[in-house]
Amino acid sequence: MLAGKQKRVPVKLALNEWHTLVVTTQGDTVSVSIDGKDAGTFQSPGIAHDTKSLVSLTTNPVDVHYDDFSIKGVAK
């Protein structure tokens, strides 16, 4: 059931350097860019659900440090 509701996009990044990750949702689509370059998109009807309130960011398998993390929404 979850197979169509998730996507992994492998990217090669230099370790021990800061990178800029931007995740944008519009309608039922999530777009990701890293350091200003498109990394991938994913589309699922559940993304656009009116009561959607969960944001999950998973990074594996190396240690990752976050700085200046923010979530911004658009008023309806």
PDB file of N, CA and C in Angstrom:
ATOM      1  N   MET A   1       0.809  -1.184   0.000  1.00  0.00           N
ATOM      2  CA  MET A   1       0.000   0.000   0.000  1.00  0.00           C
ATOM      3  C   MET A   1       0.865   1.266   0.000  1.00  0.00           C
ATOM      4  N   LEU A   2       1.966   1.272   0.735  1.00  0.00           N
ATOM      5  CA  LEU A   2       2.814   2.452   0.794  1.00  0.00           C
ATOM      6  C   LEU A   2       3.745   2.584  -0.399  1.00  0.00           C
ATOM      7  N   ALA A   3       3.888   1.548  -1.207  1.00  0.00           N
ATOM      8  CA  ALA A   3       4.831   1.586  -2.330  1.00  0.00           C
ATOM      9  C   ALA A   3       4.571   2.760  -3.259  1.00  0.00           C
ATOM     10  N   GLY A   4       3.330   3.109  -3.494  1.00  0.00           N
ATOM     11  CA  GLY A   4       3.017   4.215  -4.379  1.00  0.00           C
ATOM     12  C   GLY A   4       2.932   5.557  -3.668  1.00  0.00           C
ATOM     13  N   LYS A   5       3.244   5.582  -2.374  1.00  0.00           N
ATOM     14  CA  LYS A   5       3.105   6.805  -1.583  1.00  0.00           C
ATOM     15  C   LYS A   5       4.445   7.313  -1.055  1.00  0.00           C
ATOM     16  N   GLN A   6       5.525   6.779  -1.598  1.00  0.00           N
ATOM     17  CA  GLN A   6       6.847   7.243  -1.199  1.00  0.00           C
ATOM     18  C   GLN A   6       7.793   7.123  -2.375  1.00  0.00           C
ATOM     19  N   LYS A   7       8.875   7.864  -2.310  1.00  0.00           N
ATOM     20  CA  LYS A   7       9.851   7.824  -3.384  1.00  0.00           C
ATOM     21  C   LYS A   7      11.224   8.127  -2.809  1.00  0.00           C
ATOM     22  N   ARG A   8      12.215   7.395  -3.237  1.00  0.00           N
ATOM     23  CA  ARG A   8      13.602   7.651  -2.851  1.00  0.00           C
ATOM     24  C   ARG A   8      14.330   8.177  -4.073  1.00  0.00           C
ATOM     25  N   VAL A   9      15.079   9.225  -3.854  1.00  0.00           N
ATOM     26  CA  VAL A   9      15.847   9.824  -4.941  1.00  0.00           C
ATOM     27  C   VAL A   9      17.304   9.878  -4.500  1.00  0.00           C
ATOM     28  N   PRO A  10      18.129   8.973  -4.995  1.00  0.00           N
ATOM     29  CA  PRO A  10      19.532   8.993  -4.575  1.00  0.00           C
ATOM     30  C   PRO A  10      20.273  10.192  -5.186  1.00  0.00           C
ATOM     31  N   VAL A  11      21.041  10.859  -4.361  1.00  0.00           N
ATOM     32  CA  VAL A  11      21.871  11.969  -4.825  1.00  0.00           C
ATOM     33  C   VAL A  11      23.267  11.805  -4.233  1.00  0.00           C
ATOM     34  N   LYS A  12      24.246  12.312  -4.943  1.00  0.00           N
ATOM     35  CA  LYS A  12      25.609  12.289  -4.439  1.00  0.00           C
ATOM     36  C   LYS A  12      25.948  13.686  -3.946  1.00  0.00           C
ATOM     37  N   LEU A  13      26.286  13.761  -2.664  1.00  0.00           N
ATOM     38  CA  LEU A  13      26.636  15.034  -2.056  1.00  0.00           C
ATOM     39  C   LEU A  13      27.991  14.912  -1.381  1.00  0.00           C
ATOM     40  N   ALA A  14      28.726  16.008  -1.386  1.00  0.00           N
ATOM     41  CA  ALA A  14      29.983  16.040  -0.662  1.00  0.00           C
ATOM     42  C   ALA A  14      29.671  16.040   0.831  1.00  0.00           C
ATOM     43  N   LEU A  15      30.317  15.160   1.566  1.00  0.00           N
ATOM     44  CA  LEU A  15      30.133  15.105   3.004  1.00  0.00           C
ATOM     45  C   LEU A  15      30.966  16.200   3.661  1.00  0.00           C
ATOM     46  N   ASN A  16      30.620  16.531   4.882  1.00  0.00           N
ATOM     47  CA  ASN A  16      31.310  17.564   5.661  1.00  0.00           C
ATOM     48  C   ASN A  16      31.236  18.937   5.013  1.00  0.00           C
ATOM     49  N   GLU A  17      30.178  19.175   4.248  1.00  0.00           N
ATOM     50  CA  GLU A  17      29.897  20.488   3.660  1.00  0.00           C
ATOM     51  C   GLU A  17      28.427  20.796   3.900  1.00  0.00           C
ATOM     52  N   TRP A  18      28.086  22.089   4.003  1.00  0.00           N
ATOM     53  CA  TRP A  18      26.695  22.495   4.137  1.00  0.00           C
ATOM     54  C   TRP A  18      26.030  22.497   2.768  1.00  0.00           C
ATOM     55  N   HIS A  19      24.768  22.081   2.735  1.00  0.00           N
ATOM     56  CA  HIS A  19      23.981  22.084   1.508  1.00  0.00           C
ATOM     57  C   HIS A  19      22.639  22.743   1.811  1.00  0.00           C
ATOM     58  N   THR A  20      22.029  23.290   0.782  1.00  0.00           N
ATOM     59  CA  THR A  20      20.724  23.920   0.938  1.00  0.00           C
ATOM     60  C   THR A  20      19.664  23.003   0.338  1.00  0.00           C
ATOM     61  N   LEU A  21      18.732  22.578   1.180  1.00  0.00           N
ATOM     62  CA  LEU A  21      17.629  21.705   0.777  1.00  0.00           C
ATOM     63  C   LEU A  21      16.347  22.518   0.798  1.00  0.00           C
ATOM     64  N   VAL A  22      15.612  22.503  -0.310  1.00  0.00           N
ATOM     65  CA  VAL A  22      14.323  23.185  -0.387  1.00  0.00           C
ATOM     66  C   VAL A  22      13.282  22.159  -0.825  1.00  0.00           C
ATOM     67  N   VAL A  23      12.232  22.011  -0.023  1.00  0.00           N
ATOM     68  CA  VAL A  23      11.123  21.112  -0.337  1.00  0.00           C
ATOM     69  C   VAL A  23       9.885  21.979  -0.510  1.00  0.00           C
ATOM     70  N   THR A  24       9.234  21.870  -1.661  1.00  0.00           N
ATOM     71  CA  THR A  24       8.060  22.674  -1.975  1.00  0.00           C
ATOM     72  C   THR A  24       6.895  21.758  -2.303  1.00  0.00           C
ATOM     73  N   THR A  25       5.733  22.050  -1.731  1.00  0.00           N
ATOM     74  CA  THR A  25       4.527  21.314  -2.114  1.00  0.00           C
ATOM     75  C   THR A  25       3.581  22.265  -2.825  1.00  0.00           C
ATOM     76  N   GLN A  26       2.981  21.758  -3.875  1.00  0.00           N
ATOM     77  CA  GLN A  26       1.956  22.510  -4.598  1.00  0.00           C
ATOM     78  C   GLN A  26       0.927  21.503  -5.074  1.00  0.00           C
ATOM     79  N   GLY A  27      -0.284  21.644  -4.545  1.00  0.00           N
ATOM     80  CA  GLY A  27      -1.318  20.660  -4.880  1.00  0.00           C
ATOM     81  C   GLY A  27      -0.906  19.298  -4.372  1.00  0.00           C
ATOM     82  N   ASP A  28      -0.854  18.309  -5.259  1.00  0.00           N
ATOM     83  CA  ASP A  28      -0.493  16.950  -4.873  1.00  0.00           C
ATOM     84  C   ASP A  28       0.945  16.590  -5.252  1.00  0.00           C
ATOM     85  N   THR A  29       1.798  17.607  -5.454  1.00  0.00           N
ATOM     86  CA  THR A  29       3.167  17.380  -5.897  1.00  0.00           C
ATOM     87  C   THR A  29       4.181  17.967  -4.918  1.00  0.00           C
ATOM     88  N   VAL A  30       5.215  17.190  -4.629  1.00  0.00           N
ATOM     89  CA  VAL A  30       6.347  17.641  -3.826  1.00  0.00           C
ATOM     90  C   VAL A  30       7.547  17.740  -4.748  1.00  0.00           C
ATOM     91  N   SER A  31       8.248  18.869  -4.688  1.00  0.00           N
ATOM     92  CA  SER A  31       9.466  19.073  -5.466  1.00  0.00           C
ATOM     93  C   SER A  31      10.616  19.331  -4.505  1.00  0.00           C
ATOM     94  N   VAL A  32      11.787  18.787  -4.836  1.00  0.00           N
ATOM     95  CA  VAL A  32      12.957  18.932  -3.981  1.00  0.00           C
ATOM     96  C   VAL A  32      14.114  19.477  -4.802  1.00  0.00           C
ATOM     97  N   SER A  33      14.808  20.455  -4.217  1.00  0.00           N
ATOM     98  CA  SER A  33      16.052  20.929  -4.839  1.00  0.00           C
ATOM     99  C   SER A  33      17.142  20.933  -3.770  1.00  0.00           C
ATOM    100  N   ILE A  34      18.353  20.665  -4.212  1.00  0.00           N
ATOM    101  CA  ILE A  34      19.516  20.687  -3.332  1.00  0.00           C
ATOM    102  C   ILE A  34      20.542  21.602  -3.969  1.00  0.00           C
ATOM    103  N   ASP A  35      20.942  22.597  -3.229  1.00  0.00           N
ATOM    104  CA  ASP A  35      21.906  23.586  -3.715  1.00  0.00           C
ATOM    105  C   ASP A  35      21.439  24.224  -5.026  1.00  0.00           C
ATOM    106  N   GLY A  36      20.126  24.457  -5.133  1.00  0.00           N
ATOM    107  CA  GLY A  36      19.560  25.133  -6.293  1.00  0.00           C
ATOM    108  C   GLY A  36      19.342  24.249  -7.510  1.00  0.00           C
ATOM    109  N   LYS A  37      19.634  22.951  -7.415  1.00  0.00           N
ATOM    110  CA  LYS A  37      19.452  22.030  -8.541  1.00  0.00           C
ATOM    111  C   LYS A  37      18.308  21.069  -8.230  1.00  0.00           C
ATOM    112  N   ASP A  38      17.429  20.860  -9.215  1.00  0.00           N
ATOM    113  CA  ASP A  38      16.310  19.933  -9.027  1.00  0.00           C
ATOM    114  C   ASP A  38      16.834  18.546  -8.680  1.00  0.00           C
ATOM    115  N   ALA A  39      16.279  17.961  -7.611  1.00  0.00           N
ATOM    116  CA  ALA A  39      16.677  16.620  -7.196  1.00  0.00           C
ATOM    117  C   ALA A  39      15.586  15.598  -7.498  1.00  0.00           C
ATOM    118  N   GLY A  40      14.335  16.044  -7.634  1.00  0.00           N
ATOM    119  CA  GLY A  40      13.263  15.122  -7.948  1.00  0.00           C
ATOM    120  C   GLY A  40      11.906  15.673  -7.567  1.00  0.00           C
ATOM    121  N   THR A  41      10.880  15.021  -8.080  1.00  0.00           N
ATOM    122  CA  THR A  41       9.501  15.360  -7.751  1.00  0.00           C
ATOM    123  C   THR A  41       8.740  14.081  -7.455  1.00  0.00           C
ATOM    124  N   PHE A  42       7.640  14.237  -6.747  1.00  0.00           N
ATOM    125  CA  PHE A  42       6.792  13.106  -6.406  1.00  0.00           C
ATOM    126  C   PHE A  42       5.358  13.590  -6.352  1.00  0.00           C
ATOM    127  N   GLN A  43       4.462  12.774  -6.889  1.00  0.00           N
ATOM    128  CA  GLN A  43       3.051  13.144  -6.919  1.00  0.00           C
ATOM    129  C   GLN A  43       2.223  12.052  -6.263  1.00  0.00           C
ATOM    130  N   SER A  44       1.317  12.463  -5.350  1.00  0.00           N
ATOM    131  CA  SER A  44       0.433  11.536  -4.658  1.00  0.00           C
ATOM    132  C   SER A  44      -0.795  12.306  -4.178  1.00  0.00           C
ATOM    133  N   PRO A  45      -1.994  11.751  -4.347  1.00  0.00           N
ATOM    134  CA  PRO A  45      -3.205  12.447  -3.929  1.00  0.00           C
ATOM    135  C   PRO A  45      -3.211  12.830  -2.448  1.00  0.00           C
ATOM    136  N   GLY A  46      -2.570  12.069  -1.591  1.00  0.00           N
ATOM    137  CA  GLY A  46      -2.555  12.356  -0.163  1.00  0.00           C
ATOM    138  C   GLY A  46      -1.832  13.639   0.202  1.00  0.00           C
ATOM    139  N   ILE A  47      -0.937  14.104  -0.643  1.00  0.00           N
ATOM    140  CA  ILE A  47      -0.180  15.325  -0.364  1.00  0.00           C
ATOM    141  C   ILE A  47      -1.108  16.523  -0.299  1.00  0.00           C
ATOM    142  N   ALA A  48      -2.124  16.544  -1.129  1.00  0.00           N
ATOM    143  CA  ALA A  48      -3.034  17.691  -1.208  1.00  0.00           C
ATOM    144  C   ALA A  48      -4.213  17.592  -0.237  1.00  0.00           C
ATOM    145  N   HIS A  49      -4.215  16.604   0.651  1.00  0.00           N
ATOM    146  CA  HIS A  49      -5.336  16.421   1.576  1.00  0.00           C
ATOM    147  C   HIS A  49      -5.495  17.653   2.468  1.00  0.00           C
ATOM    148  N   ASP A  50      -6.727  18.124   2.647  1.00  0.00           N
ATOM    149  CA  ASP A  50      -7.006  19.351   3.402  1.00  0.00           C
ATOM    150  C   ASP A  50      -6.500  19.341   4.840  1.00  0.00           C
ATOM    151  N   THR A  51      -6.452  18.175   5.455  1.00  0.00           N
ATOM    152  CA  THR A  51      -6.028  18.122   6.856  1.00  0.00           C
ATOM    153  C   THR A  51      -4.601  17.586   7.008  1.00  0.00           C
ATOM    154  N   LYS A  52      -3.846  17.579   5.950  1.00  0.00           N
ATOM    155  CA  LYS A  52      -2.463  17.095   6.002  1.00  0.00           C
ATOM    156  C   LYS A  52      -1.671  17.967   6.964  1.00  0.00           C
ATOM    157  N   SER A  53      -1.051  17.356   7.984  1.00  0.00           N
ATOM    158  CA  SER A  53      -0.313  18.133   8.974  1.00  0.00           C
ATOM    159  C   SER A  53       1.054  17.547   9.305  1.00  0.00           C
ATOM    160  N   LEU A  54       1.476  16.484   8.631  1.00  0.00           N
ATOM    161  CA  LEU A  54       2.728  15.820   8.949  1.00  0.00           C
ATOM    162  C   LEU A  54       3.792  16.158   7.919  1.00  0.00           C
ATOM    163  N   VAL A  55       4.942  16.565   8.395  1.00  0.00           N
ATOM    164  CA  VAL A  55       6.107  16.764   7.545  1.00  0.00           C
ATOM    165  C   VAL A  55       7.188  15.847   8.069  1.00  0.00           C
ATOM    166  N   SER A  56       7.780  15.037   7.210  1.00  0.00           N
ATOM    167  CA  SER A  56       8.798  14.093   7.634  1.00  0.00           C
ATOM    168  C   SER A  56      10.022  14.237   6.743  1.00  0.00           C
ATOM    169  N   LEU A  57      11.167  14.383   7.359  1.00  0.00           N
ATOM    170  CA  LEU A  57      12.423  14.471   6.628  1.00  0.00           C
ATOM    171  C   LEU A  57      13.336  13.383   7.158  1.00  0.00           C
ATOM    172  N   THR A  58      13.659  12.420   6.323  1.00  0.00           N
ATOM    173  CA  THR A  58      14.476  11.296   6.742  1.00  0.00           C
ATOM    174  C   THR A  58      15.777  11.289   5.953  1.00  0.00           C
ATOM    175  N   THR A  59      16.882  11.197   6.641  1.00  0.00           N
ATOM    176  CA  THR A  59      18.182  11.128   5.989  1.00  0.00           C
ATOM    177  C   THR A  59      18.932   9.927   6.529  1.00  0.00           C
ATOM    178  N   ASN A  60      19.444   9.107   5.663  1.00  0.00           N
ATOM    179  CA  ASN A  60      20.170   7.891   6.041  1.00  0.00           C
ATOM    180  C   ASN A  60      21.304   7.677   5.057  1.00  0.00           C
ATOM    181  N   PRO A  61      22.285   6.951   5.358  1.00  0.00           N
ATOM    182  CA  PRO A  61      22.658   6.315   6.622  1.00  0.00           C
ATOM    183  C   PRO A  61      23.739   7.085   7.376  1.00  0.00           C
ATOM    184  N   VAL A  62      24.119   8.278   6.945  1.00  0.00           N
ATOM    185  CA  VAL A  62      25.199   9.020   7.606  1.00  0.00           C
ATOM    186  C   VAL A  62      24.633  10.080   8.548  1.00  0.00           C
ATOM    187  N   ASP A  63      25.486  10.573   9.438  1.00  0.00           N
ATOM    188  CA  ASP A  63      25.068  11.649  10.344  1.00  0.00           C
ATOM    189  C   ASP A  63      24.779  12.907   9.558  1.00  0.00           C
ATOM    190  N   VAL A  64      23.665  13.550   9.867  1.00  0.00           N
ATOM    191  CA  VAL A  64      23.262  14.776   9.196  1.00  0.00           C
ATOM    192  C   VAL A  64      22.955  15.805  10.271  1.00  0.00           C
ATOM    193  N   HIS A  65      23.413  17.017  10.056  1.00  0.00           N
ATOM    194  CA  HIS A  65      23.140  18.115  10.975  1.00  0.00           C
ATOM    195  C   HIS A  65      22.310  19.151  10.243  1.00  0.00           C
ATOM    196  N   TYR A  66      21.292  19.700  10.918  1.00  0.00           N
ATOM    197  CA  TYR A  66      20.415  20.696  10.322  1.00  0.00           C
ATOM    198  C   TYR A  66      20.669  22.043  10.974  1.00  0.00           C
ATOM    199  N   ASP A  67      20.594  23.098  10.178  1.00  0.00           N
ATOM    200  CA  ASP A  67      20.739  24.454  10.682  1.00  0.00           C
ATOM    201  C   ASP A  67      19.759  25.336   9.930  1.00  0.00           C
ATOM    202  N   ASP A  68      19.168  26.290  10.629  1.00  0.00           N
ATOM    203  CA  ASP A  68      18.225  27.222  10.005  1.00  0.00           C
ATOM    204  C   ASP A  68      17.058  26.503   9.333  1.00  0.00           C
ATOM    205  N   PHE A  69      16.469  25.556  10.024  1.00  0.00           N
ATOM    206  CA  PHE A  69      15.338  24.787   9.514  1.00  0.00           C
ATOM    207  C   PHE A  69      14.066  25.589   9.721  1.00  0.00           C
ATOM    208  N   SER A  70      13.262  25.745   8.681  1.00  0.00           N
ATOM    209  CA  SER A  70      11.995  26.451   8.829  1.00  0.00           C
ATOM    210  C   SER A  70      10.939  25.828   7.934  1.00  0.00           C
ATOM    211  N   ILE A  71       9.696  25.982   8.357  1.00  0.00           N
ATOM    212  CA  ILE A  71       8.550  25.535   7.585  1.00  0.00           C
ATOM    213  C   ILE A  71       7.678  26.768   7.353  1.00  0.00           C
ATOM    214  N   LYS A  72       7.354  27.007   6.111  1.00  0.00           N
ATOM    215  CA  LYS A  72       6.554  28.189   5.765  1.00  0.00           C
ATOM    216  C   LYS A  72       5.294  27.736   5.053  1.00  0.00           C
ATOM    217  N   GLY A  73       4.186  28.349   5.408  1.00  0.00           N
ATOM    218  CA  GLY A  73       2.924  28.022   4.772  1.00  0.00           C
ATOM    219  C   GLY A  73       2.337  29.232   4.088  1.00  0.00           C
ATOM    220  N   VAL A  74       1.384  28.978   3.240  1.00  0.00           N
ATOM    221  CA  VAL A  74       0.677  30.048   2.532  1.00  0.00           C
ATOM    222  C   VAL A  74      -0.732  30.116   3.086  1.00  0.00           C
ATOM    223  N   ALA A  75      -1.165  31.293   3.478  1.00  0.00           N
ATOM    224  CA  ALA A  75      -2.508  31.458   4.017  1.00  0.00           C
ATOM    225  C   ALA A  75      -3.549  31.146   2.959  1.00  0.00           C
ATOM    226  N   LYS A  76      -4.634  30.509   3.379  1.00  0.00           N
ATOM    227  CA  LYS A  76      -5.699  30.176   2.442  1.00  0.00           C
ATOM    228  C   LYS A  76      -6.680  31.295   2.367  1.00  0.00           C
TER     229      LYS A  76
END
